């Protein structure tokens, strides 16, 4: 049995749907309109931005509710790899389509009133302006991006959107652009597992990791009120200086890894969940190799396993 070094128990037309989900990547970068210095809370750096709208799409949910998507641009959102239409088709037909990713920031939904006086929902999505230009010139890139953008909104907010969108001709946005608090450091990607985790330490396998990385709004007050989940941290090997720390975090009210946001610093772990179901913020007894950390969520047991390689003793 591994030795427990930290134990806390609290009550508290060519694009398939599967392929598009694998290609979606929201990147924690970007400022526009308002450029403010990085801030931190709970060990999580972020930058505040106000998106600059370029065009607005209208669609509906599967239940008929009206939705507007304000497509915005920011120089500080990373530009995707510059490829041609033919190269995009080759990528989509390849064994590793995830090699092409489109950085984007999907903001929180905000309630608005349309021109008829009816209630509706608006989302602000931010991308790099150079890719915005490419999308305007290429119908393939436009269809590709708008489809994965809708996939991203659906995945992040548990909704379903119709694909018969319309680009508004005389409006760049619906509603007032709201501030977004964008993470400024990378996070371990979390892999969903249908079955129980293996007995041995899970290997870090980038080609199998979940490629949907969410850009969360920073809502400090709500996070503070979220309950801390039960967790256990063990070391491997059990004697002497460890090679790994392995955290097992019990999340009985979580259904999928897509609702989790995990940040790991040199000796610091922060876990947040969509809708602030849980919040975990702990310091660790050893310094970590952060670039090699990985995580997997077992949907059967509702346990998140985080594997954290430890720096060697100096």
Protein backbone atom coordinates (compact mmCIF):
# COMPACT_ATOMS: atom_id res chain seq x y z
CA UNK A 1 0.00 0.00 0.00
CA UNK A 2 1.38 3.40 -0.96
CA UNK A 3 2.09 5.77 1.90
CA UNK A 4 -0.31 8.66 2.27
CA UNK A 5 1.55 11.95 2.54
CA UNK A 6 -1.46 14.25 2.35
CA UNK A 7 -5.01 13.18 3.10
CA UNK A 8 -8.04 15.48 3.30
CA UNK A 9 -11.64 14.36 3.84
CA UNK A 10 -14.25 17.11 3.85
CA UNK A 11 -18.05 16.99 3.55
CA UNK A 12 -18.44 19.17 1.10
CA UNK A 13 -19.59 17.98 -45.31
CA UNK A 14 -16.11 16.55 -44.66
CA UNK A 15 -16.11 17.31 -41.00
CA UNK A 16 -17.42 14.59 -38.68
CA UNK A 17 -18.73 15.48 -35.24
CA UNK A 18 -16.12 13.28 -33.55
CA UNK A 19 -13.32 14.86 -35.55
CA UNK A 20 -14.48 18.37 -34.77
CA UNK A 21 -14.53 17.65 -31.06
CA UNK A 22 -10.95 16.44 -31.27
CA UNK A 23 -9.85 19.55 -33.10
CA UNK A 24 -11.38 22.10 -30.75
CA UNK A 25 -8.86 23.96 -28.58
CA UNK A 26 -9.65 27.08 -26.54
CA UNK A 27 -6.44 28.88 -25.72
CA UNK A 28 -5.94 31.00 -22.59
CA UNK A 29 -4.61 34.13 -24.23
CA UNK A 30 -5.75 37.39 -25.68
CA UNK A 31 -6.52 40.98 -24.87
CA UNK A 32 -8.44 43.59 -26.79
CA UNK A 33 -10.27 46.82 -26.02
CA UNK A 34 -8.90 46.96 -22.49
CA UNK A 35 -5.38 45.73 -21.80
CA UNK A 36 -4.73 45.24 -18.12
CA UNK A 37 -1.79 43.67 -16.29
CA UNK A 38 -1.91 40.06 -15.27
CA UNK A 39 -3.61 39.44 -11.95
CA UNK A 40 -3.67 36.42 -9.72
CA UNK A 41 -6.11 34.81 -7.36
CA UNK A 42 -5.67 31.46 -5.71
CA UNK A 43 -2.41 31.03 -7.65
CA UNK A 44 -4.13 31.37 -11.04
CA UNK A 45 -2.87 34.25 -13.25
CA UNK A 46 -5.33 35.89 -15.63
CA UNK A 47 -5.67 38.88 -17.95
CA UNK A 48 -8.82 40.98 -18.28
CA UNK A 49 -10.03 41.74 -21.81
CA UNK A 50 -13.02 43.40 -23.48
CA UNK A 51 -13.61 41.68 -26.86
CA UNK A 52 -13.82 43.79 -30.05
CA UNK A 53 -16.76 42.50 -32.17
CA UNK A 54 -16.39 41.88 -35.91
CA UNK A 55 -19.53 39.99 -36.93
CA UNK A 56 -22.61 38.44 -35.35
CA UNK A 57 -24.25 35.10 -36.07
CA UNK A 58 -27.85 34.19 -35.30
CA UNK A 59 -29.01 30.66 -34.62
CA UNK A 60 -31.29 28.77 -32.23
CA UNK A 61 -31.03 26.02 -29.68
CA UNK A 62 -32.62 22.64 -30.27
CA UNK A 63 -35.60 23.89 -28.24
CA UNK A 64 -36.05 26.98 -30.42
CA UNK A 65 -34.48 29.61 -28.15
CA UNK A 66 -32.77 32.40 -30.06
CA UNK A 67 -28.96 32.61 -29.74
CA UNK A 68 -26.51 35.23 -30.99
CA UNK A 69 -22.77 34.60 -31.26
CA UNK A 70 -20.61 37.73 -31.27
CA UNK A 71 -17.46 36.80 -33.15
CA UNK A 72 -14.60 39.01 -31.97
CA UNK A 73 -10.89 39.35 -32.68
CA UNK A 74 -7.80 40.09 -30.64
CA UNK A 75 -4.16 40.39 -31.68
CA UNK A 76 -3.12 38.59 -28.52
CA UNK A 77 -5.07 35.42 -29.19
CA UNK A 78 -2.54 33.08 -30.85
CA UNK A 79 -2.79 32.65 -34.61
CA UNK A 80 -3.34 29.10 -35.88
CA UNK A 81 -0.81 27.55 -38.21
CA UNK A 82 -1.12 29.19 -41.64
CA UNK A 83 -2.26 26.45 -44.00
CA UNK A 84 -4.10 26.35 -47.34
CA UNK A 85 -7.51 24.87 -48.11
CA UNK A 86 -5.85 21.79 -49.63
CA UNK A 87 -3.62 21.38 -46.58
CA UNK A 88 -6.65 21.60 -44.30
CA UNK A 89 -8.35 18.83 -46.28
CA UNK A 90 -5.19 16.73 -45.99
CA UNK A 91 -5.08 17.31 -42.25
CA UNK A 92 -8.71 16.28 -41.87
CA UNK A 93 -8.01 13.06 -43.77
CA UNK A 94 -4.83 12.28 -41.81
CA UNK A 95 -4.43 9.94 -38.85
CA UNK A 96 -3.63 12.90 -36.58
CA UNK A 97 -6.06 15.73 -37.41
CA UNK A 98 -5.36 17.32 -34.03
CA UNK A 99 -2.15 18.76 -35.48
CA UNK A 100 -4.24 21.76 -36.64
CA UNK A 101 -5.85 23.71 -33.82
CA UNK A 102 -7.70 27.01 -33.73
CA UNK A 103 -7.15 29.03 -30.54
CA UNK A 104 -10.30 30.74 -29.34
CA UNK A 105 -11.80 32.15 -26.15
CA UNK A 106 -15.45 31.37 -25.45
CA UNK A 107 -16.95 33.76 -22.90
CA UNK A 108 -19.83 33.26 -20.52
CA UNK A 109 -23.39 33.47 -21.94
CA UNK A 110 -25.19 36.75 -21.23
CA UNK A 111 -28.92 37.45 -21.43
CA UNK A 112 -29.96 40.10 -23.98
CA UNK A 113 -33.06 41.52 -25.67
CA UNK A 114 -33.37 41.25 -29.46
CA UNK A 115 -34.86 43.92 -31.74
CA UNK A 116 -38.35 42.47 -31.29
CA UNK A 117 -38.10 42.85 -27.52
CA UNK A 118 -37.79 39.12 -26.87
CA UNK A 119 -35.22 37.57 -24.58
CA UNK A 120 -32.22 35.79 -26.08
CA UNK A 121 -28.75 34.54 -25.18
CA UNK A 122 -25.46 35.91 -26.53
CA UNK A 123 -21.95 34.45 -26.48
CA UNK A 124 -18.70 36.30 -27.19
CA UNK A 125 -16.04 34.26 -29.02
CA UNK A 126 -12.56 35.72 -29.62
CA UNK A 127 -10.05 34.60 -32.28
CA UNK A 128 -6.91 35.98 -33.91
CA UNK A 129 -7.58 38.69 -36.56
CA UNK A 130 -5.38 37.02 -39.19
CA UNK A 131 -7.44 33.87 -38.96
CA UNK A 132 -10.58 36.01 -39.08
CA UNK A 133 -9.36 37.33 -42.44
CA UNK A 134 -8.64 33.83 -43.72
CA UNK A 135 -12.08 32.67 -42.66
CA UNK A 136 -13.74 35.53 -44.57
CA UNK A 137 -11.92 34.52 -47.77
CA UNK A 138 -12.36 30.75 -47.58
CA UNK A 139 -15.74 29.05 -47.36
CA UNK A 140 -14.01 25.84 -46.22
CA UNK A 141 -12.26 27.53 -43.31
CA UNK A 142 -15.43 29.45 -42.45
CA UNK A 143 -17.59 26.32 -42.32
CA UNK A 144 -14.88 24.45 -40.44
CA UNK A 145 -14.40 27.16 -37.82
CA UNK A 146 -18.08 27.98 -37.26
CA UNK A 147 -18.83 24.30 -36.78
CA UNK A 148 -16.12 23.71 -34.17
CA UNK A 149 -17.06 27.01 -32.52
CA UNK A 150 -20.61 25.75 -32.05
CA UNK A 151 -19.20 22.43 -30.82
CA UNK A 152 -17.17 24.37 -28.27
CA UNK A 153 -20.16 26.32 -26.97
CA UNK A 154 -22.21 23.13 -26.77
CA UNK A 155 -19.47 21.28 -24.91
CA UNK A 156 -18.75 24.08 -22.48
CA UNK A 157 -22.33 25.01 -21.59
CA UNK A 158 -24.28 21.76 -22.08
CA UNK A 159 -26.52 23.12 -24.83
CA UNK A 160 -27.36 22.17 -28.43
CA UNK A 161 -27.21 24.66 -31.31
CA UNK A 162 -28.70 24.37 -34.76
CA UNK A 163 -26.24 24.65 -37.65
CA UNK A 164 -28.44 26.83 -39.88
CA UNK A 165 -26.76 30.02 -38.67
CA UNK A 166 -27.19 33.41 -40.35
CA UNK A 167 -24.57 36.17 -40.38
CA UNK A 168 -26.24 39.51 -39.59
CA UNK A 169 -25.52 42.11 -42.26
CA UNK A 170 -25.94 45.33 -40.30
CA UNK A 171 -24.84 44.37 -36.79
CA UNK A 172 -21.46 43.39 -35.41
CA UNK A 173 -22.83 42.27 -32.07
CA UNK A 174 -25.91 41.85 -29.92
CA UNK A 175 -25.68 43.24 -26.42
CA UNK A 176 -22.73 44.82 -24.67
CA UNK A 177 -19.38 43.10 -24.77
CA UNK A 178 -18.61 41.76 -21.31
CA UNK A 179 -15.17 41.47 -19.76
CA UNK A 180 -13.47 38.13 -19.98
CA UNK A 181 -10.82 37.00 -17.53
CA UNK A 182 -8.45 34.83 -19.50
CA UNK A 183 -5.98 32.41 -18.02
CA UNK A 184 -2.39 33.17 -18.92
CA UNK A 185 -0.71 29.86 -18.18
CA UNK A 186 -1.17 26.45 -19.69
CA UNK A 187 -3.01 23.67 -17.93
CA UNK A 188 -2.64 19.90 -17.99
CA UNK A 189 -5.06 18.32 -20.41
CA UNK A 190 -7.52 15.90 -18.80
CA UNK A 191 -8.33 12.59 -20.46
CA UNK A 192 -11.77 11.02 -20.03
CA UNK A 193 -11.84 7.31 -19.21
CA UNK A 194 -14.87 5.05 -19.55
CA UNK A 195 -13.43 2.36 -17.31
CA UNK A 196 -11.54 2.32 -14.03
CA UNK A 197 -8.02 3.71 -13.89
CA UNK A 198 -5.17 1.15 -14.19
CA UNK A 199 -3.40 -0.05 -11.07
CA UNK A 200 -0.05 1.30 -12.23
CA UNK A 201 0.74 4.98 -12.65
CA UNK A 202 -0.89 6.26 -15.86
CA UNK A 203 1.61 7.12 -18.55
CA UNK A 204 1.44 10.59 -20.03
CA UNK A 205 0.32 10.06 -23.61
CA UNK A 206 -0.22 13.39 -25.39
CA UNK A 207 -1.74 11.83 -28.50
CA UNK A 208 -4.63 10.45 -26.42
CA UNK A 209 -5.30 13.50 -24.29
CA UNK A 210 -8.51 15.42 -24.48
CA UNK A 211 -7.97 18.36 -26.83
CA UNK A 212 -10.78 20.51 -25.51
CA UNK A 213 -9.23 22.98 -23.16
CA UNK A 214 -11.61 25.43 -21.72
CA UNK A 215 -11.06 29.14 -21.09
CA UNK A 216 -12.94 29.82 -17.89
CA UNK A 217 -14.27 33.08 -16.56
CA UNK A 218 -12.65 34.10 -13.29
CA UNK A 219 -15.37 34.34 -10.64
CA UNK A 220 -13.49 34.61 -7.39
CA UNK A 221 -16.42 34.91 -5.00
CA UNK A 222 -18.19 31.86 -6.39
CA UNK A 223 -15.01 29.80 -6.25
CA UNK A 224 -14.51 30.63 -2.59
CA UNK A 225 -17.98 29.29 -1.79
CA UNK A 226 -17.52 26.05 -3.73
CA UNK A 227 -16.99 22.98 -1.52
CA UNK A 228 -13.62 21.27 -1.41
CA UNK A 229 -13.76 17.67 -2.71
CA UNK A 230 -12.35 14.66 -0.88
CA UNK A 231 -8.84 13.86 -2.04
CA UNK A 232 -5.79 11.75 -1.28
CA UNK A 233 -2.21 12.29 -2.43
CA UNK A 234 0.31 9.45 -2.39
CA UNK A 235 3.97 9.23 -3.36
CA UNK A 236 5.71 6.66 -5.54
CA UNK A 237 7.97 5.08 -4.43
CA UNK A 238 6.78 5.11 -0.86
CA UNK A 239 10.26 5.49 0.66
CA UNK A 240 12.70 8.35 0.18
CA UNK A 241 12.41 11.12 -2.37
CA UNK A 242 9.46 10.30 -4.69
CA UNK A 243 9.53 10.08 -8.47
CA UNK A 244 5.82 10.88 -8.67
CA UNK A 245 2.98 12.28 -6.65
CA UNK A 246 -0.43 10.87 -7.53
CA UNK A 247 -3.57 12.74 -6.49
CA UNK A 248 -6.94 11.01 -6.44
CA UNK A 249 -9.75 13.56 -6.24
CA UNK A 250 -13.31 12.35 -5.72
CA UNK A 251 -15.86 14.30 -7.79
CA UNK A 252 -19.21 12.48 -7.46
CA UNK A 253 -21.20 15.33 -9.03
CA UNK A 254 -19.04 15.62 -12.16
CA UNK A 255 -19.99 13.79 -15.37
CA UNK A 256 -17.15 14.59 -17.78
CA UNK A 257 -13.61 15.97 -17.87
CA UNK A 258 -14.84 18.80 -20.07
CA UNK A 259 -16.28 20.50 -17.00
CA UNK A 260 -12.91 20.51 -15.18
CA UNK A 261 -10.12 23.09 -15.20
CA UNK A 262 -6.81 22.04 -13.67
CA UNK A 263 -3.76 24.25 -13.04
CA UNK A 264 -0.50 22.88 -11.68
CA UNK A 265 2.35 25.12 -10.57
CA UNK A 266 5.75 24.10 -9.26
CA UNK A 267 4.30 23.09 -5.89
CA UNK A 268 0.67 24.12 -6.24
CA UNK A 269 -2.49 22.42 -7.55
CA UNK A 270 -5.74 24.26 -8.32
CA UNK A 271 -8.86 22.47 -9.55
CA UNK A 272 -12.03 24.29 -10.61
CA UNK A 273 -15.26 23.01 -12.08
CA UNK A 274 -17.94 24.44 -14.29
CA UNK A 275 -20.68 26.11 -12.25
CA UNK A 276 -18.31 25.94 -9.25
CA UNK A 277 -19.46 22.53 -8.07
CA UNK A 278 -16.05 22.03 -6.42
CA UNK A 279 -12.91 24.05 -5.81
CA UNK A 280 -9.56 22.63 -4.63
CA UNK A 281 -6.49 24.80 -3.97
CA UNK A 282 -3.57 23.06 -2.24
CA UNK A 283 0.20 23.30 -1.92
CA UNK A 284 2.33 20.18 -2.34
CA UNK A 285 5.36 19.00 -0.34
CA UNK A 286 7.65 18.61 -3.39
CA UNK A 287 8.49 20.64 -6.49
CA UNK A 288 6.99 19.23 -9.68
CA UNK A 289 7.96 18.91 -13.34
CA UNK A 290 4.88 20.80 -14.47
CA UNK A 291 5.25 20.20 -18.22
CA UNK A 292 5.02 16.43 -17.70
CA UNK A 293 1.98 16.39 -15.42
CA UNK A 294 -1.14 14.66 -16.71
CA UNK A 295 -4.65 13.86 -15.55
CA UNK A 296 -7.46 11.45 -16.35
CA UNK A 297 -11.07 11.39 -15.19
CA UNK A 298 -12.81 8.05 -14.69
CA UNK A 299 -16.47 8.57 -15.51
CA UNK A 300 -17.44 5.32 -13.79
CA UNK A 301 -15.87 6.02 -10.40
CA UNK A 302 -16.02 9.84 -10.70
CA UNK A 303 -12.36 10.04 -9.64
CA UNK A 304 -9.83 12.44 -11.18
CA UNK A 305 -6.31 10.99 -11.07
CA UNK A 306 -3.48 13.51 -11.44
CA UNK A 307 0.04 12.19 -12.08
CA UNK A 308 2.77 14.66 -11.13
CA UNK A 309 6.46 13.87 -11.76
CA UNK A 310 8.67 15.26 -9.00
CA UNK A 311 11.88 17.21 -9.55
CA UNK A 312 15.04 15.41 -8.47
CA UNK A 313 16.76 16.47 -5.29
CA UNK A 314 19.37 19.17 -5.86
